[in-house]
Amino acid sequence: MSAVATEPVPTPASAPARAAVTGVGLAVPGVRTPADLLAADPDTSQPVDPAARIGKKGLRYKDRATQLALTCADEALRASGLLGDDGLTVSGESIAVLIASNYGNVDTVCAIVETIAADGSASGLSPMDTPNASSNVIASTLAVKYGLRGPNLMLCNGPTSGLDAVRWAAALIESGRAERALVLGVEPDNAAVRKLAGADRLIDGAAAVVLERPGLGPARGAAELATVGSTVRTAGVRRCLDRLGAADLPAVWFSPGGAADAELLPEVPRHDLTGVWGESSGALGVLQCAGAVGWFAAGGSGPVYALAGRDGDDATAGLVLRAPDALR
């Protein structure tokens, strides 16, 4: 057994807040607020229209994942008070960008490969499409558009990517590398993604949360919506729950999805977002954090557990979120 698997993890009751959530943005069918993520039967029939939400400017030549990311990033930054009509309200150097997406630009990559294979050269490629073949195109696009000049990371780390991004954002804030972070998870639904993912139903959506050093938001008039506590990454859902401190039962938990999860913590309300919107891959963990904000906004108590990565995946990531006043 490795040292990582046996090292002690603080229980949700004792762990200090690593970061505070001050803004949420959502680009998910049938969803307008974080509380909508908890709805039993939302209307998911209408896809998100980025142009209707943020206008057409800046969307041309952008792939679907980047358009969805721009939609919810704009909403999250404005909700946190970091973005106004005249631009950022704080220094761009203070804001990191962390994007989680495993299939974000795969349609562009596949199209480019097919063109080269058919033509025998790269001469048939459009200069407007080739930038979208870079795996970090989403993260770099957001940084350039909003002037976010802090650390910039793109995580393509499998099903745990969304919660991994939140964990790394908290680490950047704790270490002083950034005061704030825009954390975003996005996955598009298209033929190329369906073929690679082996799923018939995909989310085609994005979620963003703004994390900040505790106290920074209230100092400028922005409310803290949730706090981020313990994070773990281990093998298996049950083991992850145990390391999060399942003896101190959560008020609610967000599962990785699947029938097997229903047998765990049977006395605790459970939300399976993949069961509602389809396989969410790298977007799932950030969606779960947004859902926790919706839970707290509706008067729910904590702690809240979020888990991504099923048994049989490379790992399961876990995160504890609490109501903003839980430590006061």
C-alpha atoms as a PDB file:
ATOM      1  CA  MET A   1       0.000   0.000   0.000  1.00  0.00           C
ATOM      2  CA  SER A   2       1.440   3.384  -0.952  1.00  0.00           C
ATOM      3  CA  ALA A   3       2.140   6.243   1.420  1.00  0.00           C
ATOM      4  CA  VAL A   4      -0.367   8.378  -0.420  1.00  0.00           C
ATOM      5  CA  ALA A   5      -3.182   5.923   0.284  1.00  0.00           C
ATOM      6  CA  THR A   6      -2.456   5.739   4.021  1.00  0.00           C
ATOM      7  CA  GLU A   7      -1.673   9.328   4.905  1.00  0.00           C
ATOM      8  CA  PRO A   8      -4.226  10.887   7.286  1.00  0.00           C
ATOM      9  CA  VAL A   9      -6.869  13.141   5.812  1.00  0.00           C
ATOM     10  CA  PRO A  10      -8.600  15.810   7.963  1.00  0.00           C
ATOM     11  CA  THR A  11     -12.267  15.138   8.633  1.00  0.00           C
ATOM     12  CA  PRO A  12     -14.765  17.573   7.144  1.00  0.00           C
ATOM     13  CA  ALA A  13     -15.474  18.987  10.602  1.00  0.00           C
ATOM     14  CA  SER A  14     -11.869  19.955  11.310  1.00  0.00           C
ATOM     15  CA  ALA A  15     -10.401  20.841   7.921  1.00  0.00           C
ATOM     16  CA  PRO A  16      -9.987  24.575   7.305  1.00  0.00           C
ATOM     17  CA  ALA A  17     -11.444  26.219   4.226  1.00  0.00           C
ATOM     18  CA  ARG A  18      -8.914  26.112   1.403  1.00  0.00           C
ATOM     19  CA  ALA A  19     -10.831  28.523  -0.831  1.00  0.00           C
ATOM     20  CA  ALA A  20     -14.233  30.149  -1.144  1.00  0.00           C
ATOM     21  CA  VAL A  21     -16.633  30.033  -4.107  1.00  0.00           C
ATOM     22  CA  THR A  22     -17.802  33.541  -5.023  1.00  0.00           C
ATOM     23  CA  GLY A  23     -19.300  33.015  -8.470  1.00  0.00           C
ATOM     24  CA  VAL A  24     -20.947  30.336 -10.605  1.00  0.00           C
ATOM     25  CA  GLY A  25     -21.632  30.193 -14.327  1.00  0.00           C
ATOM     26  CA  LEU A  26     -23.610  27.513 -16.142  1.00  0.00           C
ATOM     27  CA  ALA A  27     -24.099  26.598 -19.783  1.00  0.00           C
ATOM     28  CA  VAL A  28     -26.150  23.427 -19.396  1.00  0.00           C
ATOM     29  CA  PRO A  29     -29.441  22.557 -21.148  1.00  0.00           C
ATOM     30  CA  GLY A  30     -32.426  23.269 -18.920  1.00  0.00           C
ATOM     31  CA  VAL A  31     -30.344  25.083 -16.291  1.00  0.00           C
ATOM     32  CA  ARG A  32     -30.150  28.760 -15.377  1.00  0.00           C
ATOM     33  CA  THR A  33     -29.214  28.684 -11.682  1.00  0.00           C
ATOM     34  CA  PRO A  34     -27.158  26.301  -9.530  1.00  0.00           C
ATOM     35  CA  ALA A  35     -30.355  25.138  -7.808  1.00  0.00           C
ATOM     36  CA  ASP A  36     -31.637  23.916 -11.199  1.00  0.00           C
ATOM     37  CA  LEU A  37     -28.909  21.247 -11.134  1.00  0.00           C
ATOM     38  CA  LEU A  38     -30.806  19.588  -8.288  1.00  0.00           C
ATOM     39  CA  ALA A  39     -34.110  19.412 -10.175  1.00  0.00           C
ATOM     40  CA  ALA A  40     -35.521  15.921 -10.581  1.00  0.00           C
ATOM     41  CA  ASP A  41     -36.681  16.296 -14.189  1.00  0.00           C
ATOM     42  CA  PRO A  42     -35.296  19.373 -15.979  1.00  0.00           C
ATOM     43  CA  ASP A  43     -36.061  20.100 -19.618  1.00  0.00           C
ATOM     44  CA  THR A  44     -32.843  19.141 -21.398  1.00  0.00           C
ATOM     45  CA  SER A  45     -34.288  19.221 -24.909  1.00  0.00           C
ATOM     46  CA  GLN A  46     -32.960  22.645 -25.949  1.00  0.00           C
ATOM     47  CA  PRO A  47     -29.181  22.995 -26.414  1.00  0.00           C
ATOM     48  CA  VAL A  48     -27.405  26.035 -25.031  1.00  0.00           C
ATOM     49  CA  ASP A  49     -27.173  28.923 -27.529  1.00  0.00           C
ATOM     50  CA  PRO A  50     -23.988  30.867 -26.683  1.00  0.00           C
ATOM     51  CA  ALA A  51     -24.799  33.696 -29.110  1.00  0.00           C
ATOM     52  CA  ALA A  52     -28.149  34.298 -27.413  1.00  0.00           C
ATOM     53  CA  ARG A  53     -26.442  34.411 -24.024  1.00  0.00           C
ATOM     54  CA  ILE A  54     -23.338  36.530 -24.639  1.00  0.00           C
ATOM     55  CA  GLY A  55     -23.723  37.829 -28.199  1.00  0.00           C
ATOM     56  CA  LYS A  56     -22.045  36.685 -31.421  1.00  0.00           C
ATOM     57  CA  LYS A  57     -18.876  38.747 -31.021  1.00  0.00           C
ATOM     58  CA  GLY A  58     -15.861  36.527 -30.411  1.00  0.00           C
ATOM     59  CA  LEU A  59     -17.634  33.246 -31.163  1.00  0.00           C
ATOM     60  CA  ARG A  60     -16.798  32.966 -34.855  1.00  0.00           C
ATOM     61  CA  TYR A  61     -14.336  30.173 -35.696  1.00  0.00           C
ATOM     62  CA  LYS A  62     -14.524  28.867 -32.105  1.00  0.00           C
ATOM     63  CA  ASP A  63     -15.361  25.197 -31.573  1.00  0.00           C
ATOM     64  CA  ARG A  64     -18.418  24.178 -29.566  1.00  0.00           C
ATOM     65  CA  ALA A  65     -16.496  23.534 -26.331  1.00  0.00           C
ATOM     66  CA  THR A  66     -14.849  26.956 -26.415  1.00  0.00           C
ATOM     67  CA  GLN A  67     -18.179  28.666 -27.113  1.00  0.00           C
ATOM     68  CA  LEU A  68     -19.770  26.907 -24.133  1.00  0.00           C
ATOM     69  CA  ALA A  69     -16.787  27.812 -21.974  1.00  0.00           C
ATOM     70  CA  LEU A  70     -16.995  31.487 -22.945  1.00  0.00           C
ATOM     71  CA  THR A  71     -20.694  31.477 -22.053  1.00  0.00           C
ATOM     72  CA  CYS A  72     -20.339  30.219 -18.496  1.00  0.00           C
ATOM     73  CA  ALA A  73     -17.006  31.961 -17.829  1.00  0.00           C
ATOM     74  CA  ASP A  74     -18.595  35.327 -18.555  1.00  0.00           C
ATOM     75  CA  GLU A  75     -21.460  34.514 -16.187  1.00  0.00           C
ATOM     76  CA  ALA A  76     -19.192  33.298 -13.373  1.00  0.00           C
ATOM     77  CA  LEU A  77     -16.836  36.283 -13.542  1.00  0.00           C
ATOM     78  CA  ARG A  78     -19.750  38.725 -13.512  1.00  0.00           C
ATOM     79  CA  ALA A  79     -21.513  36.888 -10.692  1.00  0.00           C
ATOM     80  CA  SER A  80     -18.399  37.150  -8.537  1.00  0.00           C
ATOM     81  CA  GLY A  81     -17.974  40.851  -9.268  1.00  0.00           C
ATOM     82  CA  LEU A  82     -14.636  40.303 -11.001  1.00  0.00           C
ATOM     83  CA  LEU A  83     -15.939  41.447 -14.384  1.00  0.00           C
ATOM     84  CA  GLY A  84     -17.896  44.605 -15.099  1.00  0.00           C
ATOM     85  CA  ASP A  85     -18.914  46.502 -18.206  1.00  0.00           C
ATOM     86  CA  ASP A  86     -15.476  48.118 -18.325  1.00  0.00           C
ATOM     87  CA  GLY A  87     -13.514  44.889 -17.858  1.00  0.00           C
ATOM     88  CA  LEU A  88     -11.909  43.268 -14.848  1.00  0.00           C
ATOM     89  CA  THR A  89     -12.405  44.891 -11.461  1.00  0.00           C
ATOM     90  CA  VAL A  90      -9.184  43.365 -10.062  1.00  0.00           C
ATOM     91  CA  SER A  91      -5.714  42.759 -11.420  1.00  0.00           C
ATOM     92  CA  GLY A  92      -5.569  40.149 -14.177  1.00  0.00           C
ATOM     93  CA  GLU A  93      -2.351  38.786 -12.660  1.00  0.00           C
ATOM     94  CA  SER A  94      -4.328  37.721  -9.583  1.00  0.00           C
ATOM     95  CA  ILE A  95      -6.623  35.322 -11.493  1.00  0.00           C
ATOM     96  CA  ALA A  96      -5.580  31.826 -12.540  1.00  0.00           C
ATOM     97  CA  VAL A  97      -7.427  29.779 -15.170  1.00  0.00           C
ATOM     98  CA  LEU A  98      -7.945  26.029 -14.826  1.00  0.00           C
ATOM     99  CA  ILE A  99      -9.979  24.185 -17.461  1.00  0.00           C
ATOM    100  CA  ALA A 100     -11.041  20.541 -17.310  1.00  0.00           C
ATOM    101  CA  SER A 101     -12.033  18.864 -20.570  1.00  0.00           C
ATOM    102  CA  ASN A 102     -11.168  15.466 -22.000  1.00  0.00           C
ATOM    103  CA  TYR A 103     -12.954  15.759 -25.355  1.00  0.00           C
ATOM    104  CA  GLY A 104     -13.164  19.527 -25.816  1.00  0.00           C
ATOM    105  CA  ASN A 105     -11.558  19.922 -29.225  1.00  0.00           C
ATOM    106  CA  VAL A 106     -11.516  16.318 -30.414  1.00  0.00           C
ATOM    107  CA  ASP A 107     -13.901  17.098 -33.292  1.00  0.00           C
ATOM    108  CA  THR A 108     -11.420  19.645 -34.654  1.00  0.00           C
ATOM    109  CA  VAL A 109      -8.496  17.248 -34.260  1.00  0.00           C
ATOM    110  CA  CYS A 110     -10.373  14.460 -36.031  1.00  0.00           C
ATOM    111  CA  ALA A 111     -11.414  16.767 -38.875  1.00  0.00           C
ATOM    112  CA  ILE A 112      -7.812  17.904 -39.377  1.00  0.00           C
ATOM    113  CA  VAL A 113      -6.524  14.329 -39.392  1.00  0.00           C
ATOM    114  CA  GLU A 114      -9.177  13.329 -41.919  1.00  0.00           C
ATOM    115  CA  THR A 115      -8.298  16.273 -44.183  1.00  0.00           C
ATOM    116  CA  ILE A 116      -4.589  15.456 -44.117  1.00  0.00           C
ATOM    117  CA  ALA A 117      -5.316  11.785 -44.773  1.00  0.00           C
ATOM    118  CA  ALA A 118      -7.550  12.615 -47.730  1.00  0.00           C
ATOM    119  CA  ASP A 119      -5.277  15.256 -49.281  1.00  0.00           C
ATOM    120  CA  GLY A 120      -1.937  13.713 -48.445  1.00  0.00           C
ATOM    121  CA  SER A 121      -0.771  17.080 -47.059  1.00  0.00           C
ATOM    122  CA  ALA A 122      -1.775  19.939 -44.781  1.00  0.00           C
ATOM    123  CA  SER A 123      -2.475  22.307 -47.673  1.00  0.00           C
ATOM    124  CA  GLY A 124      -6.223  21.874 -47.372  1.00  0.00           C
ATOM    125  CA  LEU A 125      -6.388  22.994 -43.759  1.00  0.00           C
ATOM    126  CA  SER A 126      -8.024  26.293 -42.866  1.00  0.00           C
ATOM    127  CA  PRO A 127      -5.798  28.713 -40.921  1.00  0.00           C
ATOM    128  CA  MET A 128      -8.897  29.585 -38.884  1.00  0.00           C
ATOM    129  CA  ASP A 129      -9.387  25.995 -37.734  1.00  0.00           C
ATOM    130  CA  THR A 130      -5.853  24.905 -36.902  1.00  0.00           C
ATOM    131  CA  PRO A 131      -5.527  26.949 -33.662  1.00  0.00           C
ATOM    132  CA  ASN A 132      -8.460  24.946 -32.308  1.00  0.00           C
ATOM    133  CA  ALA A 133      -6.386  21.769 -32.576  1.00  0.00           C
ATOM    134  CA  SER A 134      -4.308  22.780 -29.565  1.00  0.00           C
ATOM    135  CA  SER A 135      -5.464  20.970 -26.420  1.00  0.00           C
ATOM    136  CA  ASN A 136      -5.178  24.160 -24.356  1.00  0.00           C
ATOM    137  CA  VAL A 137      -7.226  26.293 -26.751  1.00  0.00           C
ATOM    138  CA  ILE A 138     -10.062  26.751 -24.233  1.00  0.00           C
ATOM    139  CA  ALA A 139      -7.810  27.910 -21.403  1.00  0.00           C
ATOM    140  CA  SER A 140      -5.807  30.241 -23.629  1.00  0.00           C
ATOM    141  CA  THR A 141      -8.933  31.716 -25.251  1.00  0.00           C
ATOM    142  CA  LEU A 142     -10.402  32.669 -21.874  1.00  0.00           C
ATOM    143  CA  ALA A 143      -7.117  34.139 -20.683  1.00  0.00           C
ATOM    144  CA  VAL A 144      -6.752  36.299 -23.777  1.00  0.00           C
ATOM    145  CA  LYS A 145     -10.382  37.447 -23.887  1.00  0.00           C
ATOM    146  CA  TYR A 146     -10.587  38.549 -20.251  1.00  0.00           C
ATOM    147  CA  GLY A 147      -6.954  39.418 -19.570  1.00  0.00           C
ATOM    148  CA  LEU A 148      -6.472  36.673 -16.969  1.00  0.00           C
ATOM    149  CA  ARG A 149      -2.701  36.578 -16.584  1.00  0.00           C
ATOM    150  CA  GLY A 150      -2.279  34.241 -13.626  1.00  0.00           C
ATOM    151  CA  PRO A 151      -1.267  30.565 -13.949  1.00  0.00           C
ATOM    152  CA  ASN A 152      -3.043  28.866 -16.851  1.00  0.00           C
ATOM    153  CA  LEU A 153      -3.665  25.111 -16.798  1.00  0.00           C
ATOM    154  CA  MET A 154      -5.606  22.694 -18.982  1.00  0.00           C
ATOM    155  CA  LEU A 155      -6.443  19.359 -17.326  1.00  0.00           C
ATOM    156  CA  CYS A 156      -7.239  16.360 -19.525  1.00  0.00           C
ATOM    157  CA  ASN A 157      -7.013  13.789 -16.756  1.00  0.00           C
ATOM    158  CA  GLY A 158      -9.987  11.515 -17.319  1.00  0.00           C
ATOM    159  CA  PRO A 159     -13.181  11.440 -15.234  1.00  0.00           C
ATOM    160  CA  THR A 160     -11.555  13.137 -12.228  1.00  0.00           C
ATOM    161  CA  SER A 161     -10.441  16.186 -14.226  1.00  0.00           C
ATOM    162  CA  GLY A 162     -13.103  18.571 -12.900  1.00  0.00           C
ATOM    163  CA  LEU A 163     -12.388  17.920  -9.228  1.00  0.00           C
ATOM    164  CA  ASP A 164      -8.658  17.780  -9.960  1.00  0.00           C
ATOM    165  CA  ALA A 165      -8.955  21.294 -11.394  1.00  0.00           C
ATOM    166  CA  VAL A 166     -10.687  22.534  -8.237  1.00  0.00           C
ATOM    167  CA  ARG A 167      -7.985  20.901  -6.117  1.00  0.00           C
ATOM    168  CA  TRP A 168      -5.163  22.487  -8.102  1.00  0.00           C
ATOM    169  CA  ALA A 169      -6.916  25.863  -7.995  1.00  0.00           C
ATOM    170  CA  ALA A 170      -7.114  25.653  -4.202  1.00  0.00           C
ATOM    171  CA  ALA A 171      -3.417  24.722  -4.114  1.00  0.00           C
ATOM    172  CA  LEU A 172      -2.481  27.742  -6.258  1.00  0.00           C
ATOM    173  CA  ILE A 173      -4.448  30.015  -3.931  1.00  0.00           C
ATOM    174  CA  GLU A 174      -3.001  28.483  -0.762  1.00  0.00           C
ATOM    175  CA  SER A 175       0.557  28.755  -2.106  1.00  0.00           C
ATOM    176  CA  GLY A 176       0.145  32.406  -3.064  1.00  0.00           C
ATOM    177  CA  ARG A 177       0.574  31.775  -6.797  1.00  0.00           C
ATOM    178  CA  ALA A 178      -2.859  33.338  -7.344  1.00  0.00           C
ATOM    179  CA  GLU A 179      -5.475  35.059  -5.240  1.00  0.00           C
ATOM    180  CA  ARG A 180      -8.346  33.821  -7.360  1.00  0.00           C
ATOM    181  CA  ALA A 181      -9.048  31.156  -9.953  1.00  0.00           C
ATOM    182  CA  LEU A 182     -11.596  30.630 -12.693  1.00  0.00           C
ATOM    183  CA  VAL A 183     -12.229  26.868 -12.717  1.00  0.00           C
ATOM    184  CA  LEU A 184     -14.264  25.520 -15.615  1.00  0.00           C
ATOM    185  CA  GLY A 185     -15.306  22.102 -16.877  1.00  0.00           C
ATOM    186  CA  VAL A 186     -16.710  21.614 -20.371  1.00  0.00           C
ATOM    187  CA  GLU A 187     -17.581  18.732 -22.694  1.00  0.00           C
ATOM    188  CA  PRO A 188     -19.322  18.977 -26.087  1.00  0.00           C
ATOM    189  CA  ASP A 189     -21.660  16.448 -27.666  1.00  0.00           C
ATOM    190  CA  ASN A 190     -20.766  15.530 -31.237  1.00  0.00           C
ATOM    191  CA  ALA A 191     -20.117  12.453 -33.359  1.00  0.00           C
ATOM    192  CA  ALA A 192     -16.374  12.393 -32.712  1.00  0.00           C
ATOM    193  CA  VAL A 193     -16.831  12.558 -28.937  1.00  0.00           C
ATOM    194  CA  ARG A 194     -19.527   9.880 -28.947  1.00  0.00           C
ATOM    195  CA  LYS A 195     -17.262   7.533 -30.871  1.00  0.00           C
ATOM    196  CA  LEU A 196     -14.329   8.006 -28.503  1.00  0.00           C
ATOM    197  CA  ALA A 197     -16.367   8.092 -25.301  1.00  0.00           C
ATOM    198  CA  GLY A 198     -18.460   5.084 -26.260  1.00  0.00           C
ATOM    199  CA  ALA A 199     -21.568   6.835 -24.968  1.00  0.00           C
ATOM    200  CA  ASP A 200     -24.818   7.656 -26.711  1.00  0.00           C
ATOM    201  CA  ARG A 201     -25.704  10.483 -24.345  1.00  0.00           C
ATOM    202  CA  LEU A 202     -23.303  13.307 -23.507  1.00  0.00           C
ATOM    203  CA  ILE A 203     -23.832  16.527 -21.629  1.00  0.00           C
ATOM    204  CA  ASP A 204     -22.953  19.191 -24.238  1.00  0.00           C
ATOM    205  CA  GLY A 205     -22.459  21.758 -21.501  1.00  0.00           C
ATOM    206  CA  ALA A 206     -20.114  23.622 -19.209  1.00  0.00           C
ATOM    207  CA  ALA A 207     -19.895  24.895 -15.654  1.00  0.00           C
ATOM    208  CA  ALA A 208     -17.574  27.423 -14.026  1.00  0.00           C
ATOM    209  CA  VAL A 209     -16.840  28.453 -10.463  1.00  0.00           C
ATOM    210  CA  VAL A 210     -14.709  31.313  -9.205  1.00  0.00           C
ATOM    211  CA  LEU A 211     -12.533  30.374  -6.234  1.00  0.00           C
ATOM    212  CA  GLU A 212     -10.858  32.990  -4.052  1.00  0.00           C
ATOM    213  CA  ARG A 213      -8.788  33.248  -0.933  1.00  0.00           C
ATOM    214  CA  PRO A 214     -11.306  33.312   1.937  1.00  0.00           C
ATOM    215  CA  GLY A 215     -12.284  36.865   2.808  1.00  0.00           C
ATOM    216  CA  LEU A 216     -11.387  38.475  -0.509  1.00  0.00           C
ATOM    217  CA  GLY A 217     -14.927  38.330  -1.889  1.00  0.00           C
ATOM    218  CA  PRO A 218     -16.697  39.922   1.080  1.00  0.00           C
ATOM    219  CA  ALA A 219     -14.039  42.646   1.193  1.00  0.00           C
ATOM    220  CA  ARG A 220     -15.281  43.916  -2.193  1.00  0.00           C
ATOM    221  CA  GLY A 221     -18.950  43.093  -1.577  1.00  0.00           C
ATOM    222  CA  ALA A 222     -19.155  39.621  -3.134  1.00  0.00           C
ATOM    223  CA  ALA A 223     -20.764  36.883  -1.053  1.00  0.00           C
ATOM    224  CA  GLU A 224     -19.037  33.591  -0.367  1.00  0.00           C
ATOM    225  CA  LEU A 225     -21.368  30.878  -1.662  1.00  0.00           C
ATOM    226  CA  ALA A 226     -19.500  27.804  -0.425  1.00  0.00           C
ATOM    227  CA  THR A 227     -16.096  26.846   0.939  1.00  0.00           C
ATOM    228  CA  VAL A 228     -13.740  24.152  -0.332  1.00  0.00           C
ATOM    229  CA  GLY A 229     -12.272  21.855   2.326  1.00  0.00           C
ATOM    230  CA  SER A 230     -10.599  18.443   2.165  1.00  0.00           C
ATOM    231  CA  THR A 231      -9.674  16.911  -1.184  1.00  0.00           C
ATOM    232  CA  VAL A 232      -8.538  13.345  -1.828  1.00  0.00           C
ATOM    233  CA  ARG A 233      -7.659  11.161  -4.804  1.00  0.00           C
ATOM    234  CA  THR A 234      -7.566   7.406  -4.403  1.00  0.00           C
ATOM    235  CA  ALA A 235      -8.764   4.129  -5.919  1.00  0.00           C
ATOM    236  CA  GLY A 236     -12.473   3.354  -5.739  1.00  0.00           C
ATOM    237  CA  VAL A 237     -15.600   5.197  -4.665  1.00  0.00           C
ATOM    238  CA  ARG A 238     -16.019   3.518  -1.261  1.00  0.00           C
ATOM    239  CA  ARG A 239     -12.405   4.137  -0.320  1.00  0.00           C
ATOM    240  CA  CYS A 240     -12.698   7.758  -1.384  1.00  0.00           C
ATOM    241  CA  LEU A 241     -15.749   8.211   0.825  1.00  0.00           C
ATOM    242  CA  ASP A 242     -13.897   6.659   3.750  1.00  0.00           C
ATOM    243  CA  ARG A 243     -10.940   8.985   3.309  1.00  0.00           C
ATOM    244  CA  LEU A 244     -13.223  11.997   3.132  1.00  0.00           C
ATOM    245  CA  GLY A 245     -14.460  11.038   6.582  1.00  0.00           C
ATOM    246  CA  ALA A 246     -17.715   9.191   5.903  1.00  0.00           C
ATOM    247  CA  ALA A 247     -18.131   8.480   9.639  1.00  0.00           C
ATOM    248  CA  ASP A 248     -19.138  12.158   9.773  1.00  0.00           C
ATOM    249  CA  LEU A 249     -22.001  11.739   7.325  1.00  0.00           C
ATOM    250  CA  PRO A 250     -22.520  14.422   4.700  1.00  0.00           C
ATOM    251  CA  ALA A 251     -25.847  16.178   4.353  1.00  0.00           C
ATOM    252  CA  VAL A 252     -25.908  15.260   0.661  1.00  0.00           C
ATOM    253  CA  TRP A 253     -23.447  13.807  -1.829  1.00  0.00           C
ATOM    254  CA  PHE A 254     -22.831  13.965  -5.562  1.00  0.00           C
ATOM    255  CA  SER A 255     -21.863  10.574  -6.961  1.00  0.00           C
ATOM    256  CA  PRO A 256     -19.737   9.662  -9.994  1.00  0.00           C
ATOM    257  CA  GLY A 257     -22.824   7.971 -11.421  1.00  0.00           C
ATOM    258  CA  GLY A 258     -23.922   4.381 -11.833  1.00  0.00           C
ATOM    259  CA  ALA A 259     -26.181   1.939 -10.068  1.00  0.00           C
ATOM    260  CA  ALA A 260     -23.443   0.736  -7.712  1.00  0.00           C
ATOM    261  CA  ASP A 261     -23.289   4.136  -6.013  1.00  0.00           C
ATOM    262  CA  ALA A 262     -26.885   3.775  -4.811  1.00  0.00           C
ATOM    263  CA  GLU A 263     -25.697   1.173  -2.282  1.00  0.00           C
ATOM    264  CA  LEU A 264     -23.288   3.628  -0.649  1.00  0.00           C
ATOM    265  CA  LEU A 265     -24.459   6.001   2.091  1.00  0.00           C
ATOM    266  CA  PRO A 266     -28.082   4.860   1.619  1.00  0.00           C
ATOM    267  CA  GLU A 267     -29.251   7.202   4.384  1.00  0.00           C
ATOM    268  CA  VAL A 268     -27.823  10.292   2.650  1.00  0.00           C
ATOM    269  CA  PRO A 269     -29.553  12.071  -0.290  1.00  0.00           C
ATOM    270  CA  ARG A 270     -27.609  11.440  -3.507  1.00  0.00           C
ATOM    271  CA  HIS A 271     -27.414  13.374  -6.767  1.00  0.00           C
ATOM    272  CA  ASP A 272     -26.254  11.660  -9.960  1.00  0.00           C
ATOM    273  CA  LEU A 273     -25.812  14.461 -12.493  1.00  0.00           C
ATOM    274  CA  THR A 274     -24.682  12.077 -15.224  1.00  0.00           C
ATOM    275  CA  GLY A 275     -28.019  10.292 -14.928  1.00  0.00           C
ATOM    276  CA  VAL A 276     -29.781  13.546 -15.810  1.00  0.00           C
ATOM    277  CA  TRP A 277     -27.506  15.139 -18.418  1.00  0.00           C
ATOM    278  CA  GLY A 278     -25.465  12.205 -19.679  1.00  0.00           C
ATOM    279  CA  GLU A 279     -21.779  11.386 -19.396  1.00  0.00           C
ATOM    280  CA  SER A 280     -19.993  14.533 -18.268  1.00  0.00           C
ATOM    281  CA  SER A 281     -16.341  13.441 -18.096  1.00  0.00           C
ATOM    282  CA  GLY A 282     -14.144  16.436 -17.270  1.00  0.00           C
ATOM    283  CA  ALA A 283     -17.113  18.719 -16.642  1.00  0.00           C
ATOM    284  CA  LEU A 284     -18.623  16.581 -13.876  1.00  0.00           C
ATOM    285  CA  GLY A 285     -16.591  17.756 -10.880  1.00  0.00           C
ATOM    286  CA  VAL A 286     -17.196  21.435 -11.591  1.00  0.00           C
ATOM    287  CA  LEU A 287     -20.899  20.758 -12.147  1.00  0.00           C
ATOM    288  CA  GLN A 288     -20.997  19.065  -8.748  1.00  0.00           C
ATOM    289  CA  CYS A 289     -19.437  22.104  -7.074  1.00  0.00           C
ATOM    290  CA  ALA A 290     -22.038  24.318  -8.742  1.00  0.00           C
ATOM    291  CA  GLY A 291     -24.726  21.924  -7.535  1.00  0.00           C
ATOM    292  CA  ALA A 292     -23.404  22.239  -3.982  1.00  0.00           C
ATOM    293  CA  VAL A 293     -23.770  26.015  -4.252  1.00  0.00           C
ATOM    294  CA  GLY A 294     -27.385  25.455  -5.299  1.00  0.00           C
ATOM    295  CA  TRP A 295     -27.893  23.184  -2.302  1.00  0.00           C
ATOM    296  CA  PHE A 296     -26.575  25.803   0.112  1.00  0.00           C
ATOM    297  CA  ALA A 297     -28.535  28.600  -1.583  1.00  0.00           C
ATOM    298  CA  ALA A 298     -31.722  26.626  -0.957  1.00  0.00           C
ATOM    299  CA  GLY A 299     -30.915  26.423   2.755  1.00  0.00           C
ATOM    300  CA  GLY A 300     -29.191  23.037   2.737  1.00  0.00           C
ATOM    301  CA  SER A 301     -26.572  22.225   5.344  1.00  0.00           C
ATOM    302  CA  GLY A 302     -23.153  20.661   4.972  1.00  0.00           C
ATOM    303  CA  PRO A 303     -20.847  19.012   4.568  1.00  0.00           C
ATOM    304  CA  VAL A 304     -21.430  18.120   0.923  1.00  0.00           C
ATOM    305  CA  TYR A 305     -19.327  15.450  -0.777  1.00  0.00           C
ATOM    306  CA  ALA A 306     -18.507  15.518  -4.492  1.00  0.00           C
ATOM    307  CA  LEU A 307     -16.946  12.441  -6.121  1.00  0.00           C
ATOM    308  CA  ALA A 308     -15.807  11.844  -9.701  1.00  0.00           C
ATOM    309  CA  GLY A 309     -14.309   8.691 -11.164  1.00  0.00           C
ATOM    310  CA  ARG A 310     -15.983   5.304 -10.867  1.00  0.00           C
ATOM    311  CA  ASP A 311     -14.623   1.970  -9.680  1.00  0.00           C
ATOM    312  CA  GLY A 312     -12.418   0.714 -12.491  1.00  0.00           C
ATOM    313  CA  ASP A 313     -11.313   4.182 -13.578  1.00  0.00           C
ATOM    314  CA  ASP A 314      -7.746   5.298 -12.938  1.00  0.00           C
ATOM    315  CA  ALA A 315      -8.843   6.961  -9.710  1.00  0.00           C
ATOM    316  CA  THR A 316     -11.709   8.500  -7.795  1.00  0.00           C
ATOM    317  CA  ALA A 317     -11.390  12.127  -6.692  1.00  0.00           C
ATOM    318  CA  GLY A 318     -13.306  13.489  -3.730  1.00  0.00           C
ATOM    319  CA  LEU A 319     -13.997  16.955  -2.383  1.00  0.00           C
ATOM    320  CA  VAL A 320     -15.747  18.370   0.684  1.00  0.00           C
ATOM    321  CA  LEU A 321     -17.755  21.584   0.384  1.00  0.00           C
ATOM    322  CA  ARG A 322     -19.387  23.437   3.237  1.00  0.00           C
ATOM    323  CA  ALA A 323     -21.784  26.316   3.656  1.00  0.00           C
ATOM    324  CA  PRO A 324     -19.888  29.631   3.859  1.00  0.00           C
ATOM    325  CA  ASP A 325     -20.803  30.219   7.490  1.00  0.00           C
ATOM    326  CA  ALA A 326     -19.873  26.709   8.642  1.00  0.00           C
ATOM    327  CA  LEU A 327     -16.552  27.860  10.089  1.00  0.00           C
ATOM    328  CA  ARG A 328     -17.830  31.025  11.734  1.00  0.00           C
END
